[in-house]
């Protein structure tokens, strides 16, 4: 075999190997994303639809989305991003905002016990 043909063949085989490896990683991340879907998750489809997951059918690989009261069924592969869930806390009332924190109260009482240096 001619030595001048060996190097290009090795380069081509290497390129195919790296491309195949990258595709496997992308499939694994997409599968992990699809498995993390649960009811109440906010998602964006590849078409740009922003919706909330209503139900997930893992057997058929479909998901029902609630887009402002309209239920649509999509293939799981059509989901581009899953927005992170935001922890909702109860809003504070105006009176609670005015109350000092426990740390601030302790600091004030600790400072008042010390004699002042003049």
PDB file of N, CA and C in Angstrom:
ATOM      1  N   UNK A   1       0.855  -1.189   0.000  1.00  0.00           N
ATOM      2  CA  UNK A   1       0.000   0.000   0.000  1.00  0.00           C
ATOM      3  C   UNK A   1       0.889   1.236   0.000  1.00  0.00           C
ATOM      4  N   UNK A   2       0.438   2.187  -0.710  1.00  0.00           N
ATOM      5  CA  UNK A   2       1.194   3.424  -0.832  1.00  0.00           C
ATOM      6  C   UNK A   2       1.069   4.229   0.457  1.00  0.00           C
ATOM      7  N   UNK A   3       2.195   4.699   0.977  1.00  0.00           N
ATOM      8  CA  UNK A   3       2.235   5.437   2.232  1.00  0.00           C
ATOM      9  C   UNK A   3       1.523   6.781   2.127  1.00  0.00           C
ATOM     10  N   UNK A   4       1.480   7.362   0.950  1.00  0.00           N
ATOM     11  CA  UNK A   4       0.828   8.660   0.775  1.00  0.00           C
ATOM     12  C   UNK A   4      -0.696   8.558   0.906  1.00  0.00           C
ATOM     13  N   UNK A   5      -1.279   7.376   0.772  1.00  0.00           N
ATOM     14  CA  UNK A   5      -2.727   7.200   0.924  1.00  0.00           C
ATOM     15  C   UNK A   5      -3.134   6.863   2.355  1.00  0.00           C
ATOM     16  N   UNK A   6      -2.218   6.407   3.161  1.00  0.00           N
ATOM     17  CA  UNK A   6      -2.524   6.005   4.531  1.00  0.00           C
ATOM     18  C   UNK A   6      -2.923   7.202   5.389  1.00  0.00           C
ATOM     19  N   UNK A   7      -2.166   8.273   5.283  1.00  0.00           N
ATOM     20  CA  UNK A   7      -2.442   9.447   6.119  1.00  0.00           C
ATOM     21  C   UNK A   7      -3.829  10.048   5.849  1.00  0.00           C
ATOM     22  N   UNK A   8      -4.255  10.277   4.596  1.00  0.00           N
ATOM     23  CA  UNK A   8      -5.609  10.802   4.359  1.00  0.00           C
ATOM     24  C   UNK A   8      -6.706   9.845   4.849  1.00  0.00           C
ATOM     25  N   UNK A   9      -6.500   8.539   4.731  1.00  0.00           N
ATOM     26  CA  UNK A   9      -7.496   7.571   5.208  1.00  0.00           C
ATOM     27  C   UNK A   9      -7.628   7.659   6.726  1.00  0.00           C
ATOM     28  N   UNK A  10      -6.507   7.797   7.428  1.00  0.00           N
ATOM     29  CA  UNK A  10      -6.545   7.933   8.890  1.00  0.00           C
ATOM     30  C   UNK A  10      -7.277   9.210   9.283  1.00  0.00           C
ATOM     31  N   UNK A  11      -7.035  10.292   8.574  1.00  0.00           N
ATOM     32  CA  UNK A  11      -7.709  11.569   8.857  1.00  0.00           C
ATOM     33  C   UNK A  11      -9.216  11.430   8.662  1.00  0.00           C
ATOM     34  N   UNK A  12      -9.650  10.806   7.594  1.00  0.00           N
ATOM     35  CA  UNK A  12     -11.086  10.650   7.315  1.00  0.00           C
ATOM     36  C   UNK A  12     -11.747   9.757   8.369  1.00  0.00           C
ATOM     37  N   UNK A  13     -11.102   8.665   8.721  1.00  0.00           N
ATOM     38  CA  UNK A  13     -11.652   7.767   9.754  1.00  0.00           C
ATOM     39  C   UNK A  13     -11.750   8.507  11.091  1.00  0.00           C
ATOM     40  N   UNK A  14     -10.739   9.290  11.420  1.00  0.00           N
ATOM     41  CA  UNK A  14     -10.766  10.077  12.659  1.00  0.00           C
ATOM     42  C   UNK A  14     -11.897  11.089  12.680  1.00  0.00           C
ATOM     43  N   UNK A  15     -12.137  11.753  11.544  1.00  0.00           N
ATOM     44  CA  UNK A  15     -13.233  12.731  11.475  1.00  0.00           C
ATOM     45  C   UNK A  15     -14.581  12.056  11.696  1.00  0.00           C
ATOM     46  N   UNK A  16     -14.801  10.907  11.071  1.00  0.00           N
ATOM     47  CA  UNK A  16     -16.062  10.192  11.258  1.00  0.00           C
ATOM     48  C   UNK A  16     -16.227   9.743  12.705  1.00  0.00           C
ATOM     49  N   UNK A  17     -15.149   9.314  13.327  1.00  0.00           N
ATOM     50  CA  UNK A  17     -15.216   8.866  14.722  1.00  0.00           C
ATOM     51  C   UNK A  17     -15.600  10.012  15.642  1.00  0.00           C
ATOM     52  N   UNK A  18     -14.971  11.201  15.459  1.00  0.00           N
ATOM     53  CA  UNK A  18     -15.294  12.355  16.296  1.00  0.00           C
ATOM     54  C   UNK A  18     -16.720  12.845  16.063  1.00  0.00           C
ATOM     55  N   UNK A  19     -17.195  12.842  14.812  1.00  0.00           N
ATOM     56  CA  UNK A  19     -18.569  13.275  14.526  1.00  0.00           C
ATOM     57  C   UNK A  19     -19.569  12.327  15.170  1.00  0.00           C
ATOM     58  N   UNK A  20     -19.312  11.020  15.099  1.00  0.00           N
ATOM     59  CA  UNK A  20     -20.202  10.031  15.704  1.00  0.00           C
ATOM     60  C   UNK A  20     -20.241  10.206  17.214  1.00  0.00           C
ATOM     61  N   UNK A  21     -19.099  10.475  17.816  1.00  0.00           N
ATOM     62  CA  UNK A  21     -19.024  10.673  19.269  1.00  0.00           C
ATOM     63  C   UNK A  21     -19.829  11.900  19.698  1.00  0.00           C
ATOM     64  N   UNK A  22     -19.730  12.983  18.923  1.00  0.00           N
ATOM     65  CA  UNK A  22     -20.469  14.198  19.242  1.00  0.00           C
ATOM     66  C   UNK A  22     -21.981  13.963  19.128  1.00  0.00           C
ATOM     67  N   UNK A  23     -22.414  13.223  18.122  1.00  0.00           N
ATOM     68  CA  UNK A  23     -23.832  12.924  17.964  1.00  0.00           C
ATOM     69  C   UNK A  23     -24.348  12.084  19.130  1.00  0.00           C
ATOM     70  N   UNK A  24     -23.545  11.159  19.622  1.00  0.00           N
ATOM     71  CA  UNK A  24     -23.950  10.351  20.774  1.00  0.00           C
ATOM     72  C   UNK A  24     -24.146  11.222  22.004  1.00  0.00           C
ATOM     73  N   UNK A  25     -23.256  12.192  22.203  1.00  0.00           N
ATOM     74  CA  UNK A  25     -23.386  13.101  23.346  1.00  0.00           C
ATOM     75  C   UNK A  25     -24.660  13.935  23.226  1.00  0.00           C
ATOM     76  N   UNK A  26     -24.948  14.427  22.021  1.00  0.00           N
ATOM     77  CA  UNK A  26     -26.153  15.230  21.818  1.00  0.00           C
ATOM     78  C   UNK A  26     -27.410  14.406  22.061  1.00  0.00           C
ATOM     79  N   UNK A  27     -27.419  13.151  21.590  1.00  0.00           N
ATOM     80  CA  UNK A  27     -28.574  12.276  21.841  1.00  0.00           C
ATOM     81  C   UNK A  27     -28.747  12.018  23.324  1.00  0.00           C
ATOM     82  N   UNK A  28     -27.644  11.815  24.042  1.00  0.00           N
ATOM     83  CA  UNK A  28     -27.723  11.549  25.480  1.00  0.00           C
ATOM     84  C   UNK A  28     -28.268  12.759  26.231  1.00  0.00           C
ATOM     85  N   UNK A  29     -27.830  13.969  25.875  1.00  0.00           N
ATOM     86  CA  UNK A  29     -28.352  15.161  26.550  1.00  0.00           C
ATOM     87  C   UNK A  29     -29.819  15.390  26.216  1.00  0.00           C
ATOM     88  N   UNK A  30     -30.210  15.110  24.964  1.00  0.00           N
ATOM     89  CA  UNK A  30     -31.620  15.262  24.593  1.00  0.00           C
ATOM     90  C   UNK A  30     -32.484  14.251  25.341  1.00  0.00           C
ATOM     91  N   UNK A  31     -31.999  13.025  25.479  1.00  0.00           N
ATOM     92  CA  UNK A  31     -32.750  12.003  26.207  1.00  0.00           C
ATOM     93  C   UNK A  31     -32.865  12.360  27.687  1.00  0.00           C
ATOM     94  N   UNK A  32     -31.799  12.889  28.264  1.00  0.00           N
ATOM     95  CA  UNK A  32     -31.844  13.315  29.670  1.00  0.00           C
ATOM     96  C   UNK A  32     -32.827  14.465  29.850  1.00  0.00           C
ATOM     97  N   UNK A  33     -32.842  15.389  28.894  1.00  0.00           N
ATOM     98  CA  UNK A  33     -33.784  16.511  28.953  1.00  0.00           C
ATOM     99  C   UNK A  33     -35.220  16.010  28.885  1.00  0.00           C
ATOM    100  N   UNK A  34     -35.478  15.051  27.979  1.00  0.00           N
ATOM    101  CA  UNK A  34     -36.824  14.512  27.840  1.00  0.00           C
ATOM    102  C   UNK A  34     -37.251  13.753  29.088  1.00  0.00           C
ATOM    103  N   UNK A  35     -36.333  13.067  29.727  1.00  0.00           N
ATOM    104  CA  UNK A  35     -36.663  12.327  30.948  1.00  0.00           C
ATOM    105  C   UNK A  35     -36.900  13.246  32.136  1.00  0.00           C
ATOM    106  N   UNK A  36     -36.387  14.474  32.077  1.00  0.00           N
ATOM    107  CA  UNK A  36     -36.573  15.400  33.192  1.00  0.00           C
ATOM    108  C   UNK A  36     -37.888  16.163  33.110  1.00  0.00           C
ATOM    109  N   UNK A  37     -38.656  15.957  32.043  1.00  0.00           N
ATOM    110  CA  UNK A  37     -39.938  16.647  31.915  1.00  0.00           C
ATOM    111  C   UNK A  37     -40.915  16.151  32.969  1.00  0.00           C
ATOM    112  N   UNK A  38     -41.611  17.067  33.565  1.00  0.00           N
ATOM    113  CA  UNK A  38     -42.657  16.710  34.524  1.00  0.00           C
ATOM    114  C   UNK A  38     -43.761  17.744  34.455  1.00  0.00           C
ATOM    115  N   UNK A  39     -44.889  17.408  34.997  1.00  0.00           N
ATOM    116  CA  UNK A  39     -46.043  18.301  34.956  1.00  0.00           C
ATOM    117  C   UNK A  39     -45.703  19.611  35.661  1.00  0.00           C
ATOM    118  N   UNK A  40     -46.019  20.714  34.999  1.00  0.00           N
ATOM    119  CA  UNK A  40     -45.774  22.029  35.571  1.00  0.00           C
ATOM    120  C   UNK A  40     -44.496  22.686  35.069  1.00  0.00           C
ATOM    121  N   UNK A  41     -43.654  21.958  34.330  1.00  0.00           N
ATOM    122  CA  UNK A  41     -42.425  22.540  33.788  1.00  0.00           C
ATOM    123  C   UNK A  41     -42.760  23.525  32.678  1.00  0.00           C
ATOM    124  N   UNK A  42     -42.049  24.644  32.652  1.00  0.00           N
ATOM    125  CA  UNK A  42     -42.220  25.604  31.573  1.00  0.00           C
ATOM    126  C   UNK A  42     -41.221  25.260  30.475  1.00  0.00           C
ATOM    127  N   UNK A  43     -41.696  25.202  29.222  1.00  0.00           N
ATOM    128  CA  UNK A  43     -40.843  24.795  28.110  1.00  0.00           C
ATOM    129  C   UNK A  43     -41.008  25.752  26.942  1.00  0.00           C
ATOM    130  N   UNK A  44     -40.074  25.633  25.994  1.00  0.00           N
ATOM    131  CA  UNK A  44     -40.150  26.340  24.719  1.00  0.00           C
ATOM    132  C   UNK A  44     -39.932  25.290  23.640  1.00  0.00           C
ATOM    133  N   UNK A  45     -40.832  25.243  22.643  1.00  0.00           N
ATOM    134  CA  UNK A  45     -40.703  24.266  21.564  1.00  0.00           C
ATOM    135  C   UNK A  45     -39.771  24.809  20.482  1.00  0.00           C
ATOM    136  N   UNK A  46     -39.415  23.945  19.526  1.00  0.00           N
ATOM    137  CA  UNK A  46     -38.542  24.377  18.438  1.00  0.00           C
ATOM    138  C   UNK A  46     -39.243  25.398  17.547  1.00  0.00           C
ATOM    139  N   UNK A  47     -40.563  25.475  17.620  1.00  0.00           N
ATOM    140  CA  UNK A  47     -41.324  26.459  16.861  1.00  0.00           C
ATOM    141  C   UNK A  47     -41.487  27.778  17.596  1.00  0.00           C
ATOM    142  N   UNK A  48     -40.998  27.857  18.842  1.00  0.00           N
ATOM    143  CA  UNK A  48     -41.069  29.093  19.612  1.00  0.00           C
ATOM    144  C   UNK A  48     -42.278  29.205  20.520  1.00  0.00           C
ATOM    145  N   UNK A  49     -43.039  28.133  20.696  1.00  0.00           N
ATOM    146  CA  UNK A  49     -44.210  28.157  21.566  1.00  0.00           C
ATOM    147  C   UNK A  49     -43.773  28.048  23.020  1.00  0.00           C
ATOM    148  N   UNK A  50     -44.193  28.988  23.850  1.00  0.00           N
ATOM    149  CA  UNK A  50     -43.923  28.960  25.281  1.00  0.00           C
ATOM    150  C   UNK A  50     -45.163  28.376  25.952  1.00  0.00           C
ATOM    151  N   UNK A  51     -44.981  27.306  26.727  1.00  0.00           N
ATOM    152  CA  UNK A  51     -46.126  26.637  27.338  1.00  0.00           C
ATOM    153  C   UNK A  51     -45.699  25.932  28.614  1.00  0.00           C
ATOM    154  N   UNK A  52     -46.696  25.377  29.300  1.00  0.00           N
ATOM    155  CA  UNK A  52     -46.487  24.620  30.537  1.00  0.00           C
ATOM    156  C   UNK A  52     -46.900  23.178  30.268  1.00  0.00           C
ATOM    157  N   UNK A  53     -46.102  22.228  30.767  1.00  0.00           N
ATOM    158  CA  UNK A  53     -46.382  20.812  30.547  1.00  0.00           C
ATOM    159  C   UNK A  53     -47.613  20.418  31.343  1.00  0.00           C
ATOM    160  N   UNK A  54     -48.594  19.852  30.652  1.00  0.00           N
ATOM    161  CA  UNK A  54     -49.823  19.392  31.279  1.00  0.00           C
ATOM    162  C   UNK A  54     -49.722  17.915  31.640  1.00  0.00           C
ATOM    163  N   UNK A  55     -49.163  17.091  30.731  1.00  0.00           N
ATOM    164  CA  UNK A  55     -48.945  15.673  31.016  1.00  0.00           C
ATOM    165  C   UNK A  55     -47.854  15.147  30.089  1.00  0.00           C
ATOM    166  N   UNK A  56     -47.214  14.049  30.528  1.00  0.00           N
ATOM    167  CA  UNK A  56     -46.125  13.440  29.770  1.00  0.00           C
ATOM    168  C   UNK A  56     -46.472  11.980  29.526  1.00  0.00           C
ATOM    169  N   UNK A  57     -46.393  11.536  28.263  1.00  0.00           N
ATOM    170  CA  UNK A  57     -46.621  10.142  27.903  1.00  0.00           C
ATOM    171  C   UNK A  57     -45.296   9.561  27.412  1.00  0.00           C
ATOM    172  N   UNK A  58     -44.576   8.865  28.308  1.00  0.00           N
ATOM    173  CA  UNK A  58     -43.263   8.343  27.951  1.00  0.00           C
ATOM    174  C   UNK A  58     -43.356   7.163  26.987  1.00  0.00           C
ATOM    175  N   UNK A  59     -44.459   6.425  26.995  1.00  0.00           N
ATOM    176  CA  UNK A  59     -44.607   5.281  26.100  1.00  0.00           C
ATOM    177  C   UNK A  59     -44.672   5.736  24.639  1.00  0.00           C
ATOM    178  N   UNK A  60     -45.448   6.779  24.374  1.00  0.00           N
ATOM    179  CA  UNK A  60     -45.584   7.304  23.009  1.00  0.00           C
ATOM    180  C   UNK A  60     -44.613   8.442  22.714  1.00  0.00           C
ATOM    181  N   UNK A  61     -43.842   8.855  23.720  1.00  0.00           N
ATOM    182  CA  UNK A  61     -42.898   9.976  23.604  1.00  0.00           C
ATOM    183  C   UNK A  61     -43.595  11.245  23.140  1.00  0.00           C
ATOM    184  N   UNK A  62     -44.736  11.536  23.786  1.00  0.00           N
ATOM    185  CA  UNK A  62     -45.464  12.771  23.509  1.00  0.00           C
ATOM    186  C   UNK A  62     -45.657  13.532  24.812  1.00  0.00           C
ATOM    187  N   UNK A  63     -45.961  14.797  24.674  1.00  0.00           N
ATOM    188  CA  UNK A  63     -46.192  15.657  25.827  1.00  0.00           C
ATOM    189  C   UNK A  63     -47.361  16.574  25.498  1.00  0.00           C
ATOM    190  N   UNK A  64     -48.264  16.748  26.458  1.00  0.00           N
ATOM    191  CA  UNK A  64     -49.382  17.671  26.301  1.00  0.00           C
ATOM    192  C   UNK A  64     -48.989  18.998  26.935  1.00  0.00           C
ATOM    193  N   UNK A  65     -49.140  20.072  26.173  1.00  0.00           N
ATOM    194  CA  UNK A  65     -48.748  21.394  26.630  1.00  0.00           C
ATOM    195  C   UNK A  65     -49.962  22.278  26.791  1.00  0.00           C
ATOM    196  N   UNK A  66     -49.955  23.068  27.854  1.00  0.00           N
ATOM    197  CA  UNK A  66     -51.013  24.028  28.128  1.00  0.00           C
ATOM    198  C   UNK A  66     -50.494  25.410  27.740  1.00  0.00           C
ATOM    199  N   UNK A  67     -50.998  25.932  26.629  1.00  0.00           N
ATOM    200  CA  UNK A  67     -50.612  27.255  26.159  1.00  0.00           C
ATOM    201  C   UNK A  67     -51.789  28.195  26.351  1.00  0.00           C
ATOM    202  N   UNK A  68     -51.860  28.805  27.517  1.00  0.00           N
ATOM    203  CA  UNK A  68     -52.930  29.734  27.880  1.00  0.00           C
ATOM    204  C   UNK A  68     -54.304  29.104  27.719  1.00  0.00           C
ATOM    205  N   UNK A  69     -54.465  27.891  28.239  1.00  0.00           N
ATOM    206  CA  UNK A  69     -55.756  27.223  28.231  1.00  0.00           C
ATOM    207  C   UNK A  69     -55.986  26.309  27.044  1.00  0.00           C
ATOM    208  N   UNK A  70     -55.130  26.347  26.061  1.00  0.00           N
ATOM    209  CA  UNK A  70     -55.252  25.478  24.897  1.00  0.00           C
ATOM    210  C   UNK A  70     -54.281  24.315  25.080  1.00  0.00           C
ATOM    211  N   UNK A  71     -54.804  23.082  25.072  1.00  0.00           N
ATOM    212  CA  UNK A  71     -53.975  21.896  25.250  1.00  0.00           C
ATOM    213  C   UNK A  71     -53.532  21.393  23.876  1.00  0.00           C
ATOM    214  N   UNK A  72     -52.221  21.302  23.687  1.00  0.00           N
ATOM    215  CA  UNK A  72     -51.640  20.847  22.428  1.00  0.00           C
ATOM    216  C   UNK A  72     -50.749  19.638  22.708  1.00  0.00           C
ATOM    217  N   UNK A  73     -50.753  18.664  21.802  1.00  0.00           N
ATOM    218  CA  UNK A  73     -49.902  17.484  21.947  1.00  0.00           C
ATOM    219  C   UNK A  73     -48.716  17.620  21.015  1.00  0.00           C
ATOM    220  N   UNK A  74     -47.516  17.490  21.579  1.00  0.00           N
ATOM    221  CA  UNK A  74     -46.283  17.605  20.816  1.00  0.00           C
ATOM    222  C   UNK A  74     -45.436  16.363  21.023  1.00  0.00           C
ATOM    223  N   UNK A  75     -44.584  16.094  20.065  1.00  0.00           N
ATOM    224  CA  UNK A  75     -43.575  15.062  20.187  1.00  0.00           C
ATOM    225  C   UNK A  75     -42.508  15.577  21.149  1.00  0.00           C
ATOM    226  N   UNK A  76     -41.930  14.697  21.974  1.00  0.00           N
ATOM    227  CA  UNK A  76     -40.917  15.139  22.934  1.00  0.00           C
ATOM    228  C   UNK A  76     -39.695  15.729  22.240  1.00  0.00           C
ATOM    229  N   UNK A  77     -39.414  15.281  21.033  1.00  0.00           N
ATOM    230  CA  UNK A  77     -38.254  15.787  20.296  1.00  0.00           C
ATOM    231  C   UNK A  77     -38.431  17.247  19.883  1.00  0.00           C
ATOM    232  N   UNK A  78     -39.641  17.766  19.932  1.00  0.00           N
ATOM    233  CA  UNK A  78     -39.881  19.146  19.517  1.00  0.00           C
ATOM    234  C   UNK A  78     -39.639  20.155  20.639  1.00  0.00           C
ATOM    235  N   UNK A  79     -39.218  19.696  21.798  1.00  0.00           N
ATOM    236  CA  UNK A  79     -38.953  20.600  22.912  1.00  0.00           C
ATOM    237  C   UNK A  79     -37.507  21.060  22.829  1.00  0.00           C
ATOM    238  N   UNK A  80     -37.326  22.387  22.725  1.00  0.00           N
ATOM    239  CA  UNK A  80     -35.976  22.943  22.602  1.00  0.00           C
ATOM    240  C   UNK A  80     -35.373  23.196  23.968  1.00  0.00           C
ATOM    241  N   UNK A  81     -36.081  23.912  24.849  1.00  0.00           N
ATOM    242  CA  UNK A  81     -35.524  24.231  26.167  1.00  0.00           C
ATOM    243  C   UNK A  81     -36.564  24.015  27.243  1.00  0.00           C
ATOM    244  N   UNK A  82     -36.066  23.694  28.419  1.00  0.00           N
ATOM    245  CA  UNK A  82     -36.901  23.592  29.608  1.00  0.00           C
ATOM    246  C   UNK A  82     -36.436  24.697  30.541  1.00  0.00           C
ATOM    247  N   UNK A  83     -37.332  25.611  30.861  1.00  0.00           N
ATOM    248  CA  UNK A  83     -36.974  26.721  31.738  1.00  0.00           C
ATOM    249  C   UNK A  83     -36.836  26.203  33.162  1.00  0.00           C
ATOM    250  N   UNK A  84     -35.856  26.714  33.908  1.00  0.00           N
ATOM    251  CA  UNK A  84     -35.713  26.270  35.293  1.00  0.00           C
ATOM    252  C   UNK A  84     -36.895  26.740  36.128  1.00  0.00           C
ATOM    253  N   UNK A  85     -37.294  25.869  37.057  1.00  0.00           N
ATOM    254  CA  UNK A  85     -38.421  26.222  37.908  1.00  0.00           C
ATOM    255  C   UNK A  85     -38.003  27.313  38.881  1.00  0.00           C
ATOM    256  N   UNK A  86     -38.885  28.280  39.066  1.00  0.00           N
ATOM    257  CA  UNK A  86     -38.633  29.380  39.980  1.00  0.00           C
ATOM    258  C   UNK A  86     -39.430  29.110  41.241  1.00  0.00           C
ATOM    259  N   UNK A  87     -38.718  29.107  42.366  1.00  0.00           N
ATOM    260  CA  UNK A  87     -39.386  28.888  43.648  1.00  0.00           C
ATOM    261  C   UNK A  87     -40.230  30.121  43.957  1.00  0.00           C
ATOM    262  N   UNK A  88     -41.502  29.914  44.146  1.00  0.00           N
ATOM    263  CA  UNK A  88     -42.366  31.032  44.478  1.00  0.00           C
ATOM    264  C   UNK A  88     -42.499  31.112  45.989  1.00  0.00           C
ATOM    265  N   UNK A  89     -42.303  32.288  46.518  1.00  0.00           N
ATOM    266  CA  UNK A  89     -42.469  32.510  47.948  1.00  0.00           C
ATOM    267  C   UNK A  89     -43.628  33.464  48.138  1.00  0.00           C
ATOM    268  N   UNK A  90     -44.208  33.391  49.303  1.00  0.00           N
ATOM    269  CA  UNK A  90     -45.324  34.278  49.577  1.00  0.00           C
ATOM    270  C   UNK A  90     -44.811  35.709  49.692  1.00  0.00           C
ATOM    271  N   UNK A  91     -45.514  36.645  49.078  1.00  0.00           N
ATOM    272  CA  UNK A  91     -45.044  38.026  49.158  1.00  0.00           C
ATOM    273  C   UNK A  91     -45.152  38.561  50.581  1.00  0.00           C
ATOM    274  N   UNK A  92     -44.172  39.368  50.961  1.00  0.00           N
ATOM    275  CA  UNK A  92     -44.175  39.962  52.300  1.00  0.00           C
ATOM    276  C   UNK A  92     -45.151  41.136  52.326  1.00  0.00           C
ATOM    277  N   UNK A  93     -45.731  41.339  53.459  1.00  0.00           N
ATOM    278  CA  UNK A  93     -46.587  42.511  53.620  1.00  0.00           C
ATOM    279  C   UNK A  93     -45.712  43.695  53.985  1.00  0.00           C
ATOM    280  N   UNK A  94     -46.264  44.875  53.930  1.00  0.00           N
ATOM    281  CA  UNK A  94     -45.506  46.081  54.235  1.00  0.00           C
ATOM    282  C   UNK A  94     -45.033  46.076  55.683  1.00  0.00           C
ATOM    283  N   UNK A  95     -45.810  45.513  56.590  1.00  0.00           N
ATOM    284  CA  UNK A  95     -45.438  45.469  58.001  1.00  0.00           C
ATOM    285  C   UNK A  95     -44.233  44.550  58.195  1.00  0.00           C
ATOM    286  N   UNK A  96     -44.188  43.413  57.496  1.00  0.00           N
ATOM    287  CA  UNK A  96     -43.068  42.492  57.620  1.00  0.00           C
ATOM    288  C   UNK A  96     -41.787  43.115  57.093  1.00  0.00           C
ATOM    289  N   UNK A  97     -41.882  43.973  56.082  1.00  0.00           N
ATOM    290  CA  UNK A  97     -40.697  44.628  55.544  1.00  0.00           C
ATOM    291  C   UNK A  97     -40.098  45.608  56.548  1.00  0.00           C
ATOM    292  N   UNK A  98     -40.937  46.176  57.402  1.00  0.00           N
ATOM    293  CA  UNK A  98     -40.458  47.163  58.369  1.00  0.00           C
ATOM    294  C   UNK A  98     -39.862  46.526  59.618  1.00  0.00           C
ATOM    295  N   UNK A  99     -40.147  45.245  59.852  1.00  0.00           N
ATOM    296  CA  UNK A  99     -39.612  44.583  61.035  1.00  0.00           C
ATOM    297  C   UNK A  99     -38.120  44.329  60.859  1.00  0.00           C
ATOM    298  N   UNK A 100     -37.313  44.621  61.884  1.00  0.00           N
ATOM    299  CA  UNK A 100     -35.881  44.334  61.771  1.00  0.00           C
ATOM    300  C   UNK A 100     -35.628  42.826  61.875  1.00  0.00           C
ATOM    301  N   UNK A 101     -34.569  42.370  61.254  1.00  0.00           N
ATOM    302  CA  UNK A 101     -34.246  40.955  61.326  1.00  0.00           C
ATOM    303  C   UNK A 101     -33.683  40.623  62.703  1.00  0.00           C
ATOM    304  N   UNK A 102     -33.665  39.334  63.035  1.00  0.00           N
ATOM    305  CA  UNK A 102     -33.166  38.909  64.349  1.00  0.00           C
ATOM    306  C   UNK A 102     -31.689  39.250  64.510  1.00  0.00           C
ATOM    307  N   UNK A 103     -30.904  39.147  63.440  1.00  0.00           N
ATOM    308  CA  UNK A 103     -29.483  39.475  63.510  1.00  0.00           C
ATOM    309  C   UNK A 103     -29.278  40.945  63.835  1.00  0.00           C
ATOM    310  N   UNK A 104     -30.100  41.799  63.233  1.00  0.00           N
ATOM    311  CA  UNK A 104     -29.965  43.230  63.480  1.00  0.00           C
ATOM    312  C   UNK A 104     -30.326  43.559  64.919  1.00  0.00           C
ATOM    313  N   UNK A 105     -31.351  42.897  65.456  1.00  0.00           N
ATOM    314  CA  UNK A 105     -31.766  43.142  66.831  1.00  0.00           C
ATOM    315  C   UNK A 105     -30.664  42.702  67.788  1.00  0.00           C
ATOM    316  N   UNK A 106     -30.039  41.534  67.535  1.00  0.00           N
ATOM    317  CA  UNK A 106     -28.962  41.042  68.396  1.00  0.00           C
ATOM    318  C   UNK A 106     -27.768  41.974  68.352  1.00  0.00           C
ATOM    319  N   UNK A 107     -27.435  42.499  67.193  1.00  0.00           N
ATOM    320  CA  UNK A 107     -26.296  43.392  67.060  1.00  0.00           C
ATOM    321  C   UNK A 107     -26.541  44.687  67.817  1.00  0.00           C
ATOM    322  N   UNK A 108     -27.750  45.208  67.729  1.00  0.00           N
ATOM    323  CA  UNK A 108     -28.073  46.452  68.437  1.00  0.00           C
ATOM    324  C   UNK A 108     -27.971  46.236  69.934  1.00  0.00           C
ATOM    325  N   UNK A 109     -28.504  45.121  70.434  1.00  0.00           N
ATOM    326  CA  UNK A 109     -28.452  44.868  71.881  1.00  0.00           C
ATOM    327  C   UNK A 109     -27.029  44.577  72.335  1.00  0.00           C
ATOM    328  N   UNK A 110     -26.218  43.905  71.508  1.00  0.00           N
ATOM    329  CA  UNK A 110     -24.826  43.629  71.877  1.00  0.00           C
ATOM    330  C   UNK A 110     -24.022  44.916  71.929  1.00  0.00           C
ATOM    331  N   UNK A 111     -24.235  45.822  70.991  1.00  0.00           N
ATOM    332  CA  UNK A 111     -23.498  47.078  70.951  1.00  0.00           C
ATOM    333  C   UNK A 111     -23.887  48.003  72.097  1.00  0.00           C
ATOM    334  N   UNK A 112     -25.122  47.938  72.542  1.00  0.00           N
ATOM    335  CA  UNK A 112     -25.562  48.832  73.605  1.00  0.00           C
ATOM    336  C   UNK A 112     -25.027  48.390  74.963  1.00  0.00           C
ATOM    337  N   UNK A 113     -24.638  47.117  75.113  1.00  0.00           N
ATOM    338  CA  UNK A 113     -24.097  46.635  76.382  1.00  0.00           C
ATOM    339  C   UNK A 113     -22.649  47.059  76.582  1.00  0.00           C
ATOM    340  N   UNK A 114     -21.926  47.363  75.520  1.00  0.00           N
ATOM    341  CA  UNK A 114     -20.523  47.739  75.612  1.00  0.00           C
ATOM    342  C   UNK A 114     -20.402  49.206  75.996  1.00  0.00           C
ATOM    343  N   UNK A 115     -19.448  49.503  76.878  1.00  0.00           N
ATOM    344  CA  UNK A 115     -19.234  50.918  77.204  1.00  0.00           C
ATOM    345  C   UNK A 115     -18.582  51.632  76.015  1.00  0.00           C
ATOM    346  N   UNK A 116     -18.957  52.851  75.824  1.00  0.00           N
ATOM    347  CA  UNK A 116     -18.412  53.597  74.696  1.00  0.00           C
ATOM    348  C   UNK A 116     -17.035  54.123  75.044  1.00  0.00           C
ATOM    349  N   UNK A 117     -16.143  54.110  74.063  1.00  0.00           N
ATOM    350  CA  UNK A 117     -14.788  54.607  74.270  1.00  0.00           C
ATOM    351  C   UNK A 117     -14.718  56.040  73.773  1.00  0.00           C
ATOM    352  N   UNK A 118     -14.202  56.915  74.649  1.00  0.00           N
ATOM    353  CA  UNK A 118     -14.107  58.332  74.259  1.00  0.00           C
ATOM    354  C   UNK A 118     -12.710  58.818  74.378  1.00  0.00           C
TER     355      UNK A 118
END
